Amino acid sequence: MRDLDFIHELTAGTVICPNCSDRLVVDKKLPNVKYCHCPNTTSVYNMKIADYSWVPFVETPDLLIWRQPHETQPGLFVYKGSWNLSVQLLSSIVNILNISNPNPLPIYLCHFYSLWILRRH
């Protein structure tokens, strides 16, 4: 439950305007989302906010992803997300990332395959 609580905290701290409590734009505006109209508000894409090491990275209607630099591998990132995905889509992503799979896909293929699945939905 701590991860879920942290996602709620991360959402409130990085993509919700502290003044009006509306959403801040991550990488693009999405339909049916009430966005902040406060003066001087900009996109929070890849922007470090407060004391969070996680920065907003990608948003779709069903997915919000943050990333942070990998602690020991310069140039690589760790990703954390919040999503509202169909069971079919979620099981497809879990299947490709499943480490118990005898033939797991290399991580770069998982990334591109996940993007392909998301774009299909």
PDB file of N, CA and C in Angstrom:
ATOM      1  N   MET A   1       0.811  -1.196   0.000  1.00  0.00           N
ATOM      2  CA  MET A   1       0.000   0.000   0.000  1.00  0.00           C
ATOM      3  C   MET A   1       0.858   1.266   0.000  1.00  0.00           C
ATOM      4  N   ARG A   2       2.111   1.149   0.439  1.00  0.00           N
ATOM      5  CA  ARG A   2       2.976   2.334   0.467  1.00  0.00           C
ATOM      6  C   ARG A   2       3.214   2.882  -0.931  1.00  0.00           C
ATOM      7  N   ASP A   3       3.359   1.992  -1.935  1.00  0.00           N
ATOM      8  CA  ASP A   3       3.561   2.470  -3.306  1.00  0.00           C
ATOM      9  C   ASP A   3       2.361   3.265  -3.792  1.00  0.00           C
ATOM     10  N   LEU A   4       1.162   2.784  -3.502  1.00  0.00           N
ATOM     11  CA  LEU A   4      -0.043   3.494  -3.917  1.00  0.00           C
ATOM     12  C   LEU A   4      -0.142   4.849  -3.218  1.00  0.00           C
ATOM     13  N   ASP A   5       0.168   4.874  -1.945  1.00  0.00           N
ATOM     14  CA  ASP A   5       0.162   6.150  -1.215  1.00  0.00           C
ATOM     15  C   ASP A   5       1.202   7.108  -1.794  1.00  0.00           C
ATOM     16  N   PHE A   6       2.383   6.569  -2.155  1.00  0.00           N
ATOM     17  CA  PHE A   6       3.421   7.418  -2.727  1.00  0.00           C
ATOM     18  C   PHE A   6       2.984   7.978  -4.082  1.00  0.00           C
ATOM     19  N   ILE A   7       2.302   7.173  -4.899  1.00  0.00           N
ATOM     20  CA  ILE A   7       1.812   7.660  -6.201  1.00  0.00           C
ATOM     21  C   ILE A   7       0.829   8.811  -5.988  1.00  0.00           C
ATOM     22  N   HIS A   8      -0.049   8.687  -4.993  1.00  0.00           N
ATOM     23  CA  HIS A   8      -0.985   9.785  -4.703  1.00  0.00           C
ATOM     24  C   HIS A   8      -0.225  11.037  -4.253  1.00  0.00           C
ATOM     25  N   GLU A   9       0.778  10.852  -3.415  1.00  0.00           N
ATOM     26  CA  GLU A   9       1.605  11.974  -2.962  1.00  0.00           C
ATOM     27  C   GLU A   9       2.379  12.589  -4.134  1.00  0.00           C
ATOM     28  N   LEU A  10       2.948  11.720  -4.978  1.00  0.00           N
ATOM     29  CA  LEU A  10       3.712  12.187  -6.134  1.00  0.00           C
ATOM     30  C   LEU A  10       2.821  12.962  -7.103  1.00  0.00           C
ATOM     31  N   THR A  11       1.620  12.463  -7.334  1.00  0.00           N
ATOM     32  CA  THR A  11       0.660  13.157  -8.203  1.00  0.00           C
ATOM     33  C   THR A  11       0.351  14.540  -7.636  1.00  0.00           C
ATOM     34  N   ALA A  12       0.011  14.584  -6.355  1.00  0.00           N
ATOM     35  CA  ALA A  12      -0.322  15.863  -5.715  1.00  0.00           C
ATOM     36  C   ALA A  12       0.868  16.820  -5.726  1.00  0.00           C
ATOM     37  N   GLY A  13       2.067  16.297  -5.549  1.00  0.00           N
ATOM     38  CA  GLY A  13       3.243  17.151  -5.450  1.00  0.00           C
ATOM     39  C   GLY A  13       3.848  17.571  -6.773  1.00  0.00           C
ATOM     40  N   THR A  14       3.528  16.863  -7.870  1.00  0.00           N
ATOM     41  CA  THR A  14       4.211  17.166  -9.132  1.00  0.00           C
ATOM     42  C   THR A  14       3.297  17.553 -10.298  1.00  0.00           C
ATOM     43  N   VAL A  15       2.042  17.127 -10.294  1.00  0.00           N
ATOM     44  CA  VAL A  15       1.179  17.439 -11.441  1.00  0.00           C
ATOM     45  C   VAL A  15      -0.140  18.106 -11.053  1.00  0.00           C
ATOM     46  N   ILE A  16      -0.254  18.525  -9.801  1.00  0.00           N
ATOM     47  CA  ILE A  16      -1.423  19.272  -9.337  1.00  0.00           C
ATOM     48  C   ILE A  16      -0.955  20.663  -8.916  1.00  0.00           C
ATOM     49  N   CYS A  17      -1.617  21.688  -9.429  1.00  0.00           N
ATOM     50  CA  CYS A  17      -1.240  23.063  -9.088  1.00  0.00           C
ATOM     51  C   CYS A  17      -1.508  23.311  -7.600  1.00  0.00           C
ATOM     52  N   PRO A  18      -0.519  23.807  -6.856  1.00  0.00           N
ATOM     53  CA  PRO A  18      -0.723  24.072  -5.424  1.00  0.00           C
ATOM     54  C   PRO A  18      -1.655  25.256  -5.167  1.00  0.00           C
ATOM     55  N   ASN A  19      -1.867  26.107  -6.185  1.00  0.00           N
ATOM     56  CA  ASN A  19      -2.729  27.279  -6.006  1.00  0.00           C
ATOM     57  C   ASN A  19      -4.197  26.995  -6.276  1.00  0.00           C
ATOM     58  N   CYS A  20      -4.485  26.333  -7.418  1.00  0.00           N
ATOM     59  CA  CYS A  20      -5.881  26.132  -7.796  1.00  0.00           C
ATOM     60  C   CYS A  20      -6.338  24.677  -7.724  1.00  0.00           C
ATOM     61  N   SER A  21      -5.413  23.763  -7.489  1.00  0.00           N
ATOM     62  CA  SER A  21      -5.682  22.321  -7.385  1.00  0.00           C
ATOM     63  C   SER A  21      -6.124  21.674  -8.688  1.00  0.00           C
ATOM     64  N   ASP A  22      -5.919  22.348  -9.812  1.00  0.00           N
ATOM     65  CA  ASP A  22      -6.188  21.738 -11.117  1.00  0.00           C
ATOM     66  C   ASP A  22      -4.908  21.067 -11.608  1.00  0.00           C
ATOM     67  N   ARG A  23      -5.034  20.278 -12.660  1.00  0.00           N
ATOM     68  CA  ARG A  23      -3.901  19.541 -13.206  1.00  0.00           C
ATOM     69  C   ARG A  23      -2.944  20.473 -13.936  1.00  0.00           C
ATOM     70  N   LEU A  24      -1.669  20.132 -13.875  1.00  0.00           N
ATOM     71  CA  LEU A  24      -0.638  20.805 -14.651  1.00  0.00           C
ATOM     72  C   LEU A  24      -0.369  19.957 -15.893  1.00  0.00           C
ATOM     73  N   VAL A  25      -0.031  20.585 -16.997  1.00  0.00           N
ATOM     74  CA  VAL A  25       0.254  19.865 -18.235  1.00  0.00           C
ATOM     75  C   VAL A  25       1.592  19.150 -18.087  1.00  0.00           C
ATOM     76  N   VAL A  26       1.627  17.865 -18.466  1.00  0.00           N
ATOM     77  CA  VAL A  26       2.894  17.131 -18.442  1.00  0.00           C
ATOM     78  C   VAL A  26       3.568  17.324 -19.788  1.00  0.00           C
ATOM     79  N   ASP A  27       3.182  16.569 -20.802  1.00  0.00           N
ATOM     80  CA  ASP A  27       3.802  16.747 -22.125  1.00  0.00           C
ATOM     81  C   ASP A  27       2.815  17.286 -23.157  1.00  0.00           C
ATOM     82  N   LYS A  28       1.517  17.131 -22.917  1.00  0.00           N
ATOM     83  CA  LYS A  28       0.490  17.686 -23.803  1.00  0.00           C
ATOM     84  C   LYS A  28      -0.840  17.706 -23.056  1.00  0.00           C
ATOM     85  N   LYS A  29      -1.749  18.560 -23.495  1.00  0.00           N
ATOM     86  CA  LYS A  29      -3.070  18.608 -22.884  1.00  0.00           C
ATOM     87  C   LYS A  29      -3.911  17.439 -23.391  1.00  0.00           C
ATOM     88  N   LEU A  30      -4.690  16.889 -22.484  1.00  0.00           N
ATOM     89  CA  LEU A  30      -5.558  15.768 -22.809  1.00  0.00           C
ATOM     90  C   LEU A  30      -7.009  16.201 -22.716  1.00  0.00           C
ATOM     91  N   PRO A  31      -7.890  15.561 -23.483  1.00  0.00           N
ATOM     92  CA  PRO A  31      -9.307  15.913 -23.410  1.00  0.00           C
ATOM     93  C   PRO A  31      -9.890  15.539 -22.042  1.00  0.00           C
ATOM     94  N   ASN A  32     -10.901  16.264 -21.641  1.00  0.00           N
ATOM     95  CA  ASN A  32     -11.661  16.000 -20.408  1.00  0.00           C
ATOM     96  C   ASN A  32     -10.833  16.137 -19.131  1.00  0.00           C
ATOM     97  N   VAL A  33      -9.789  16.942 -19.161  1.00  0.00           N
ATOM     98  CA  VAL A  33      -8.992  17.208 -17.966  1.00  0.00           C
ATOM     99  C   VAL A  33      -9.046  18.706 -17.704  1.00  0.00           C
ATOM    100  N   LYS A  34      -9.330  19.085 -16.474  1.00  0.00           N
ATOM    101  CA  LYS A  34      -9.381  20.493 -16.108  1.00  0.00           C
ATOM    102  C   LYS A  34      -7.971  20.937 -15.723  1.00  0.00           C
ATOM    103  N   TYR A  35      -7.376  21.761 -16.591  1.00  0.00           N
ATOM    104  CA  TYR A  35      -5.994  22.195 -16.391  1.00  0.00           C
ATOM    105  C   TYR A  35      -5.922  23.549 -15.705  1.00  0.00           C
ATOM    106  N   CYS A  36      -4.808  23.772 -15.054  1.00  0.00           N
ATOM    107  CA  CYS A  36      -4.516  25.013 -14.358  1.00  0.00           C
ATOM    108  C   CYS A  36      -4.441  26.174 -15.360  1.00  0.00           C
ATOM    109  N   HIS A  37      -5.018  27.308 -14.966  1.00  0.00           N
ATOM    110  CA  HIS A  37      -4.924  28.527 -15.766  1.00  0.00           C
ATOM    111  C   HIS A  37      -4.266  29.661 -14.975  1.00  0.00           C
ATOM    112  N   CYS A  38      -3.512  29.300 -13.958  1.00  0.00           N
ATOM    113  CA  CYS A  38      -2.813  30.316 -13.167  1.00  0.00           C
ATOM    114  C   CYS A  38      -1.749  30.998 -14.033  1.00  0.00           C
ATOM    115  N   PRO A  39      -1.456  32.266 -13.754  1.00  0.00           N
ATOM    116  CA  PRO A  39      -0.435  32.978 -14.525  1.00  0.00           C
ATOM    117  C   PRO A  39       0.932  32.296 -14.421  1.00  0.00           C
ATOM    118  N   ASN A  40       1.675  32.353 -15.511  1.00  0.00           N
ATOM    119  CA  ASN A  40       3.051  31.822 -15.568  1.00  0.00           C
ATOM    120  C   ASN A  40       3.159  30.315 -15.340  1.00  0.00           C
ATOM    121  N   THR A  41       2.073  29.572 -15.585  1.00  0.00           N
ATOM    122  CA  THR A  41       2.123  28.121 -15.449  1.00  0.00           C
ATOM    123  C   THR A  41       2.662  27.523 -16.734  1.00  0.00           C
ATOM    124  N   THR A  42       3.630  26.618 -16.606  1.00  0.00           N
ATOM    125  CA  THR A  42       4.214  25.964 -17.775  1.00  0.00           C
ATOM    126  C   THR A  42       4.094  24.450 -17.620  1.00  0.00           C
ATOM    127  N   SER A  43       4.460  23.749 -18.665  1.00  0.00           N
ATOM    128  CA  SER A  43       4.474  22.287 -18.635  1.00  0.00           C
ATOM    129  C   SER A  43       5.464  21.815 -17.580  1.00  0.00           C
ATOM    130  N   VAL A  44       5.109  20.734 -16.891  1.00  0.00           N
ATOM    131  CA  VAL A  44       5.997  20.180 -15.874  1.00  0.00           C
ATOM    132  C   VAL A  44       6.792  18.990 -16.421  1.00  0.00           C
ATOM    133  N   TYR A  45       6.780  18.825 -17.743  1.00  0.00           N
ATOM    134  CA  TYR A  45       7.507  17.721 -18.374  1.00  0.00           C
ATOM    135  C   TYR A  45       8.976  17.750 -17.948  1.00  0.00           C
ATOM    136  N   ASN A  46       9.424  16.650 -17.387  1.00  0.00           N
ATOM    137  CA  ASN A  46      10.823  16.458 -17.007  1.00  0.00           C
ATOM    138  C   ASN A  46      11.338  17.548 -16.053  1.00  0.00           C
ATOM    139  N   MET A  47      10.440  18.175 -15.295  1.00  0.00           N
ATOM    140  CA  MET A  47      10.803  19.269 -14.401  1.00  0.00           C
ATOM    141  C   MET A  47      10.904  18.764 -12.963  1.00  0.00           C
ATOM    142  N   LYS A  48      12.047  19.033 -12.330  1.00  0.00           N
ATOM    143  CA  LYS A  48      12.208  18.662 -10.926  1.00  0.00           C
ATOM    144  C   LYS A  48      11.373  19.617 -10.083  1.00  0.00           C
ATOM    145  N   ILE A  49      10.542  19.042  -9.228  1.00  0.00           N
ATOM    146  CA  ILE A  49       9.631  19.828  -8.408  1.00  0.00           C
ATOM    147  C   ILE A  49       9.874  19.512  -6.943  1.00  0.00           C
ATOM    148  N   ALA A  50      10.057  20.539  -6.168  1.00  0.00           N
ATOM    149  CA  ALA A  50      10.284  20.426  -4.713  1.00  0.00           C
ATOM    150  C   ALA A  50      11.394  19.425  -4.424  1.00  0.00           C
ATOM    151  N   ASP A  51      11.156  18.533  -3.479  1.00  0.00           N
ATOM    152  CA  ASP A  51      12.179  17.573  -3.063  1.00  0.00           C
ATOM    153  C   ASP A  51      12.012  16.210  -3.719  1.00  0.00           C
ATOM    154  N   TYR A  52      11.185  16.124  -4.755  1.00  0.00           N
ATOM    155  CA  TYR A  52      10.964  14.842  -5.424  1.00  0.00           C
ATOM    156  C   TYR A  52      12.078  14.554  -6.424  1.00  0.00           C
ATOM    157  N   SER A  53      12.594  13.339  -6.381  1.00  0.00           N
ATOM    158  CA  SER A  53      13.590  12.934  -7.380  1.00  0.00           C
ATOM    159  C   SER A  53      12.897  12.453  -8.652  1.00  0.00           C
ATOM    160  N   TRP A  54      11.603  12.113  -8.559  1.00  0.00           N
ATOM    161  CA  TRP A  54      10.812  11.675  -9.707  1.00  0.00           C
ATOM    162  C   TRP A  54      10.279  12.895 -10.443  1.00  0.00           C
ATOM    163  N   VAL A  55      10.411  12.903 -11.783  1.00  0.00           N
ATOM    164  CA  VAL A  55       9.901  14.013 -12.585  1.00  0.00           C
ATOM    165  C   VAL A  55       8.824  13.505 -13.530  1.00  0.00           C
ATOM    166  N   PRO A  56       7.771  14.303 -13.775  1.00  0.00           N
ATOM    167  CA  PRO A  56       6.737  13.899 -14.724  1.00  0.00           C
ATOM    168  C   PRO A  56       7.349  13.709 -16.110  1.00  0.00           C
ATOM    169  N   PHE A  57       6.978  12.620 -16.787  1.00  0.00           N
ATOM    170  CA  PHE A  57       7.624  12.294 -18.049  1.00  0.00           C
ATOM    171  C   PHE A  57       6.645  12.102 -19.202  1.00  0.00           C
ATOM    172  N   VAL A  58       5.623  11.289 -19.044  1.00  0.00           N
ATOM    173  CA  VAL A  58       4.671  11.001 -20.128  1.00  0.00           C
ATOM    174  C   VAL A  58       3.275  10.903 -19.543  1.00  0.00           C
ATOM    175  N   GLU A  59       2.301  11.400 -20.303  1.00  0.00           N
ATOM    176  CA  GLU A  59       0.911  11.256 -19.886  1.00  0.00           C
ATOM    177  C   GLU A  59       0.060  10.930 -21.098  1.00  0.00           C
ATOM    178  N   THR A  60      -0.808   9.943 -20.947  1.00  0.00           N
ATOM    179  CA  THR A  60      -1.834   9.616 -21.937  1.00  0.00           C
ATOM    180  C   THR A  60      -3.151   9.605 -21.174  1.00  0.00           C
ATOM    181  N   PRO A  61      -4.275   9.395 -21.850  1.00  0.00           N
ATOM    182  CA  PRO A  61      -5.532   9.351 -21.110  1.00  0.00           C
ATOM    183  C   PRO A  61      -5.573   8.267 -20.019  1.00  0.00           C
ATOM    184  N   ASP A  62      -4.794   7.199 -20.173  1.00  0.00           N
ATOM    185  CA  ASP A  62      -4.832   6.092 -19.216  1.00  0.00           C
ATOM    186  C   ASP A  62      -3.551   5.900 -18.423  1.00  0.00           C
ATOM    187  N   LEU A  63      -2.569   6.770 -18.592  1.00  0.00           N
ATOM    188  CA  LEU A  63      -1.250   6.488 -18.052  1.00  0.00           C
ATOM    189  C   LEU A  63      -0.515   7.769 -17.687  1.00  0.00           C
ATOM    190  N   LEU A  64       0.159   7.752 -16.544  1.00  0.00           N
ATOM    191  CA  LEU A  64       1.014   8.864 -16.132  1.00  0.00           C
ATOM    192  C   LEU A  64       2.316   8.243 -15.636  1.00  0.00           C
ATOM    193  N   ILE A  65       3.434   8.662 -16.226  1.00  0.00           N
ATOM    194  CA  ILE A  65       4.727   8.077 -15.889  1.00  0.00           C
ATOM    195  C   ILE A  65       5.682   9.158 -15.412  1.00  0.00           C
ATOM    196  N   TRP A  66       6.401   8.835 -14.332  1.00  0.00           N
ATOM    197  CA  TRP A  66       7.489   9.668 -13.827  1.00  0.00           C
ATOM    198  C   TRP A  66       8.777   8.900 -14.035  1.00  0.00           C
ATOM    199  N   ARG A  67       9.895   9.612 -14.039  1.00  0.00           N
ATOM    200  CA  ARG A  67      11.187   8.933 -14.113  1.00  0.00           C
ATOM    201  C   ARG A  67      12.193   9.652 -13.235  1.00  0.00           C
ATOM    202  N   GLN A  68      13.262   8.927 -12.909  1.00  0.00           N
ATOM    203  CA  GLN A  68      14.374   9.503 -12.165  1.00  0.00           C
ATOM    204  C   GLN A  68      15.644   8.828 -12.653  1.00  0.00           C
ATOM    205  N   PRO A  69      16.773   9.508 -12.555  1.00  0.00           N
ATOM    206  CA  PRO A  69      18.027   8.878 -12.974  1.00  0.00           C
ATOM    207  C   PRO A  69      18.317   7.627 -12.150  1.00  0.00           C
ATOM    208  N   HIS A  70      18.842   6.623 -12.813  1.00  0.00           N
ATOM    209  CA  HIS A  70      19.246   5.396 -12.128  1.00  0.00           C
ATOM    210  C   HIS A  70      20.399   5.723 -11.185  1.00  0.00           C
ATOM    211  N   GLU A  71      20.376   5.161  -9.993  1.00  0.00           N
ATOM    212  CA  GLU A  71      21.380   5.501  -8.975  1.00  0.00           C
ATOM    213  C   GLU A  71      22.797   5.077  -9.349  1.00  0.00           C
ATOM    214  N   THR A  72      22.937   3.930 -10.025  1.00  0.00           N
ATOM    215  CA  THR A  72      24.281   3.414 -10.281  1.00  0.00           C
ATOM    216  C   THR A  72      24.641   3.332 -11.761  1.00  0.00           C
ATOM    217  N   GLN A  73      23.701   3.619 -12.651  1.00  0.00           N
ATOM    218  CA  GLN A  73      23.953   3.511 -14.082  1.00  0.00           C
ATOM    219  C   GLN A  73      23.685   4.857 -14.756  1.00  0.00           C
ATOM    220  N   PRO A  74      24.691   5.718 -14.845  1.00  0.00           N
ATOM    221  CA  PRO A  74      24.505   7.036 -15.457  1.00  0.00           C
ATOM    222  C   PRO A  74      23.923   6.921 -16.865  1.00  0.00           C
ATOM    223  N   GLY A  75      22.983   7.797 -17.173  1.00  0.00           N
ATOM    224  CA  GLY A  75      22.364   7.793 -18.496  1.00  0.00           C
ATOM    225  C   GLY A  75      21.136   6.914 -18.592  1.00  0.00           C
ATOM    226  N   LEU A  76      20.873   6.080 -17.571  1.00  0.00           N
ATOM    227  CA  LEU A  76      19.679   5.241 -17.554  1.00  0.00           C
ATOM    228  C   LEU A  76      18.685   5.812 -16.549  1.00  0.00           C
ATOM    229  N   PHE A  77      17.417   5.443 -16.720  1.00  0.00           N
ATOM    230  CA  PHE A  77      16.369   5.958 -15.848  1.00  0.00           C
ATOM    231  C   PHE A  77      15.544   4.821 -15.262  1.00  0.00           C
ATOM    232  N   VAL A  78      14.925   5.106 -14.135  1.00  0.00           N
ATOM    233  CA  VAL A  78      13.959   4.225 -13.493  1.00  0.00           C
ATOM    234  C   VAL A  78      12.607   4.885 -13.678  1.00  0.00           C
ATOM    235  N   TYR A  79      11.574   4.097 -13.963  1.00  0.00           N
ATOM    236  CA  TYR A  79      10.246   4.638 -14.242  1.00  0.00           C
ATOM    237  C   TYR A  79       9.242   4.174 -13.209  1.00  0.00           C
ATOM    238  N   LYS A  80       8.310   5.042 -12.899  1.00  0.00           N
ATOM    239  CA  LYS A  80       7.213   4.740 -11.981  1.00  0.00           C
ATOM    240  C   LYS A  80       5.953   5.282 -12.639  1.00  0.00           C
ATOM    241  N   GLY A  81       4.853   4.526 -12.558  1.00  0.00           N
ATOM    242  CA  GLY A  81       3.664   4.972 -13.252  1.00  0.00           C
ATOM    243  C   GLY A  81       2.376   4.737 -12.504  1.00  0.00           C
ATOM    244  N   SER A  82       1.379   5.417 -12.976  1.00  0.00           N
ATOM    245  CA  SER A  82       0.014   5.270 -12.506  1.00  0.00           C
ATOM    246  C   SER A  82      -0.831   5.087 -13.749  1.00  0.00           C
ATOM    247  N   TRP A  83      -1.669   4.062 -13.775  1.00  0.00           N
ATOM    248  CA  TRP A  83      -2.430   3.823 -14.988  1.00  0.00           C
ATOM    249  C   TRP A  83      -3.821   3.312 -14.718  1.00  0.00           C
ATOM    250  N   ASN A  84      -4.655   3.483 -15.710  1.00  0.00           N
ATOM    251  CA  ASN A  84      -6.014   2.972 -15.725  1.00  0.00           C
ATOM    252  C   ASN A  84      -6.128   2.204 -17.038  1.00  0.00           C
ATOM    253  N   LEU A  85      -5.672   0.961 -17.033  1.00  0.00           N
ATOM    254  CA  LEU A  85      -5.585   0.183 -18.258  1.00  0.00           C
ATOM    255  C   LEU A  85      -6.584  -0.962 -18.252  1.00  0.00           C
ATOM    256  N   SER A  86      -6.945  -1.397 -19.431  1.00  0.00           N
ATOM    257  CA  SER A  86      -7.822  -2.560 -19.534  1.00  0.00           C
ATOM    258  C   SER A  86      -7.075  -3.790 -19.031  1.00  0.00           C
ATOM    259  N   VAL A  87      -7.799  -4.796 -18.601  1.00  0.00           N
ATOM    260  CA  VAL A  87      -7.184  -6.025 -18.110  1.00  0.00           C
ATOM    261  C   VAL A  87      -6.349  -6.668 -19.210  1.00  0.00           C
ATOM    262  N   GLN A  88      -6.840  -6.639 -20.454  1.00  0.00           N
ATOM    263  CA  GLN A  88      -6.106  -7.245 -21.565  1.00  0.00           C
ATOM    264  C   GLN A  88      -4.766  -6.534 -21.780  1.00  0.00           C
ATOM    265  N   LEU A  89      -4.794  -5.221 -21.790  1.00  0.00           N
ATOM    266  CA  LEU A  89      -3.570  -4.456 -21.991  1.00  0.00           C
ATOM    267  C   LEU A  89      -2.603  -4.668 -20.838  1.00  0.00           C
ATOM    268  N   LEU A  90      -3.109  -4.611 -19.618  1.00  0.00           N
ATOM    269  CA  LEU A  90      -2.262  -4.788 -18.452  1.00  0.00           C
ATOM    270  C   LEU A  90      -1.631  -6.178 -18.439  1.00  0.00           C
ATOM    271  N   SER A  91      -2.398  -7.207 -18.764  1.00  0.00           N
ATOM    272  CA  SER A  91      -1.829  -8.559 -18.763  1.00  0.00           C
ATOM    273  C   SER A  91      -0.792  -8.715 -19.867  1.00  0.00           C
ATOM    274  N   SER A  92      -0.962  -8.012 -21.000  1.00  0.00           N
ATOM    275  CA  SER A  92       0.048  -8.060 -22.064  1.00  0.00           C
ATOM    276  C   SER A  92       1.355  -7.451 -21.590  1.00  0.00           C
ATOM    277  N   ILE A  93       1.271  -6.314 -20.914  1.00  0.00           N
ATOM    278  CA  ILE A  93       2.480  -5.652 -20.414  1.00  0.00           C
ATOM    279  C   ILE A  93       3.143  -6.503 -19.336  1.00  0.00           C
ATOM    280  N   VAL A  94       2.353  -7.050 -18.422  1.00  0.00           N
ATOM    281  CA  VAL A  94       2.910  -7.903 -17.376  1.00  0.00           C
ATOM    282  C   VAL A  94       3.588  -9.119 -17.991  1.00  0.00           C
ATOM    283  N   ASN A  95       2.977  -9.682 -19.028  1.00  0.00           N
ATOM    284  CA  ASN A  95       3.542 -10.861 -19.676  1.00  0.00           C
ATOM    285  C   ASN A  95       4.918 -10.572 -20.270  1.00  0.00           C
ATOM    286  N   ILE A  96       5.081  -9.431 -20.940  1.00  0.00           N
ATOM    287  CA  ILE A  96       6.392  -9.157 -21.531  1.00  0.00           C
ATOM    288  C   ILE A  96       7.438  -8.826 -20.488  1.00  0.00           C
ATOM    289  N   LEU A  97       7.016  -8.273 -19.370  1.00  0.00           N
ATOM    290  CA  LEU A  97       7.977  -7.898 -18.343  1.00  0.00           C
ATOM    291  C   LEU A  97       8.212  -9.001 -17.320  1.00  0.00           C
ATOM    292  N   ASN A  98       7.488 -10.091 -17.436  1.00  0.00           N
ATOM    293  CA  ASN A  98       7.545 -11.175 -16.464  1.00  0.00           C
ATOM    294  C   ASN A  98       8.929 -11.823 -16.452  1.00  0.00           C
ATOM    295  N   ILE A  99       9.655 -11.678 -15.343  1.00  0.00           N
ATOM    296  CA  ILE A  99      11.010 -12.214 -15.285  1.00  0.00           C
ATOM    297  C   ILE A  99      11.039 -13.735 -15.154  1.00  0.00           C
ATOM    298  N   SER A 100       9.902 -14.349 -14.799  1.00  0.00           N
ATOM    299  CA  SER A 100       9.881 -15.804 -14.718  1.00  0.00           C
ATOM    300  C   SER A 100       9.702 -16.433 -16.101  1.00  0.00           C
ATOM    301  N   ASN A 101       9.436 -15.608 -17.104  1.00  0.00           N
ATOM    302  CA  ASN A 101       9.325 -16.077 -18.474  1.00  0.00           C
ATOM    303  C   ASN A 101      10.672 -16.670 -18.882  1.00  0.00           C
ATOM    304  N   PRO A 102      10.693 -17.912 -19.428  1.00  0.00           N
ATOM    305  CA  PRO A 102      11.974 -18.514 -19.781  1.00  0.00           C
ATOM    306  C   PRO A 102      12.724 -17.758 -20.876  1.00  0.00           C
ATOM    307  N   ASN A 103      12.024 -16.983 -21.683  1.00  0.00           N
ATOM    308  CA  ASN A 103      12.648 -16.204 -22.752  1.00  0.00           C
ATOM    309  C   ASN A 103      12.217 -14.738 -22.656  1.00  0.00           C
ATOM    310  N   PRO A 104      12.599 -14.055 -21.580  1.00  0.00           N
ATOM    311  CA  PRO A 104      12.148 -12.664 -21.457  1.00  0.00           C
ATOM    312  C   PRO A 104      12.751 -11.798 -22.556  1.00  0.00           C
ATOM    313  N   LEU A 105      11.989 -10.793 -22.962  1.00  0.00           N
ATOM    314  CA  LEU A 105      12.479  -9.865 -23.978  1.00  0.00           C
ATOM    315  C   LEU A 105      13.534  -8.951 -23.372  1.00  0.00           C
ATOM    316  N   PRO A 106      14.543  -8.566 -24.158  1.00  0.00           N
ATOM    317  CA  PRO A 106      15.481  -7.544 -23.657  1.00  0.00           C
ATOM    318  C   PRO A 106      14.703  -6.275 -23.314  1.00  0.00           C
ATOM    319  N   ILE A 107      15.211  -5.503 -22.374  1.00  0.00           N
ATOM    320  CA  ILE A 107      14.477  -4.343 -21.867  1.00  0.00           C
ATOM    321  C   ILE A 107      14.127  -3.344 -22.957  1.00  0.00           C
ATOM    322  N   TYR A 108      15.001  -3.130 -23.941  1.00  0.00           N
ATOM    323  CA  TYR A 108      14.671  -2.163 -24.986  1.00  0.00           C
ATOM    324  C   TYR A 108      13.506  -2.662 -25.838  1.00  0.00           C
ATOM    325  N   LEU A 109      13.385  -3.981 -26.024  1.00  0.00           N
ATOM    326  CA  LEU A 109      12.235  -4.500 -26.763  1.00  0.00           C
ATOM    327  C   LEU A 109      10.967  -4.388 -25.938  1.00  0.00           C
ATOM    328  N   CYS A 110      11.070  -4.576 -24.618  1.00  0.00           N
ATOM    329  CA  CYS A 110       9.918  -4.395 -23.735  1.00  0.00           C
ATOM    330  C   CYS A 110       9.393  -2.973 -23.847  1.00  0.00           C
ATOM    331  N   HIS A 111      10.300  -2.012 -23.872  1.00  0.00           N
ATOM    332  CA  HIS A 111       9.911  -0.606 -23.981  1.00  0.00           C
ATOM    333  C   HIS A 111       9.136  -0.354 -25.265  1.00  0.00           C
ATOM    334  N   PHE A 112       9.693  -0.785 -26.401  1.00  0.00           N
ATOM    335  CA  PHE A 112       9.031  -0.525 -27.673  1.00  0.00           C
ATOM    336  C   PHE A 112       7.756  -1.331 -27.830  1.00  0.00           C
ATOM    337  N   TYR A 113       7.735  -2.563 -27.316  1.00  0.00           N
ATOM    338  CA  TYR A 113       6.524  -3.379 -27.394  1.00  0.00           C
ATOM    339  C   TYR A 113       5.428  -2.762 -26.530  1.00  0.00           C
ATOM    340  N   SER A 114       5.800  -2.256 -25.341  1.00  0.00           N
ATOM    341  CA  SER A 114       4.819  -1.594 -24.478  1.00  0.00           C
ATOM    342  C   SER A 114       4.232  -0.371 -25.165  1.00  0.00           C
ATOM    343  N   LEU A 115       5.083   0.421 -25.833  1.00  0.00           N
ATOM    344  CA  LEU A 115       4.589   1.592 -26.562  1.00  0.00           C
ATOM    345  C   LEU A 115       3.637   1.175 -27.674  1.00  0.00           C
ATOM    346  N   TRP A 116       3.966   0.091 -28.376  1.00  0.00           N
ATOM    347  CA  TRP A 116       3.111  -0.380 -29.462  1.00  0.00           C
ATOM    348  C   TRP A 116       1.752  -0.808 -28.914  1.00  0.00           C
ATOM    349  N   ILE A 117       1.746  -1.525 -27.787  1.00  0.00           N
ATOM    350  CA  ILE A 117       0.490  -1.963 -27.182  1.00  0.00           C
ATOM    351  C   ILE A 117      -0.332  -0.735 -26.771  1.00  0.00           C
ATOM    352  N   LEU A 118       0.312   0.238 -26.119  1.00  0.00           N
ATOM    353  CA  LEU A 118      -0.414   1.422 -25.672  1.00  0.00           C
ATOM    354  C   LEU A 118      -1.007   2.199 -26.837  1.00  0.00           C
ATOM    355  N   ARG A 119      -0.296   2.298 -27.935  1.00  0.00           N
ATOM    356  CA  ARG A 119      -0.804   3.044 -29.080  1.00  0.00           C
ATOM    357  C   ARG A 119      -1.970   2.339 -29.767  1.00  0.00           C
ATOM    358  N   ARG A 120      -2.036   1.023 -29.615  1.00  0.00           N
ATOM    359  CA  ARG A 120      -3.143   0.265 -30.215  1.00  0.00           C
ATOM    360  C   ARG A 120      -4.432   0.503 -29.467  1.00  0.00           C
ATOM    361  N   HIS A 121      -4.355   0.903 -28.201  1.00  0.00           N
ATOM    362  CA  HIS A 121      -5.562   1.060 -27.383  1.00  0.00           C
ATOM    363  C   HIS A 121      -5.941   2.483 -27.294  1.00  0.00           C
TER     364      HIS A 121
END
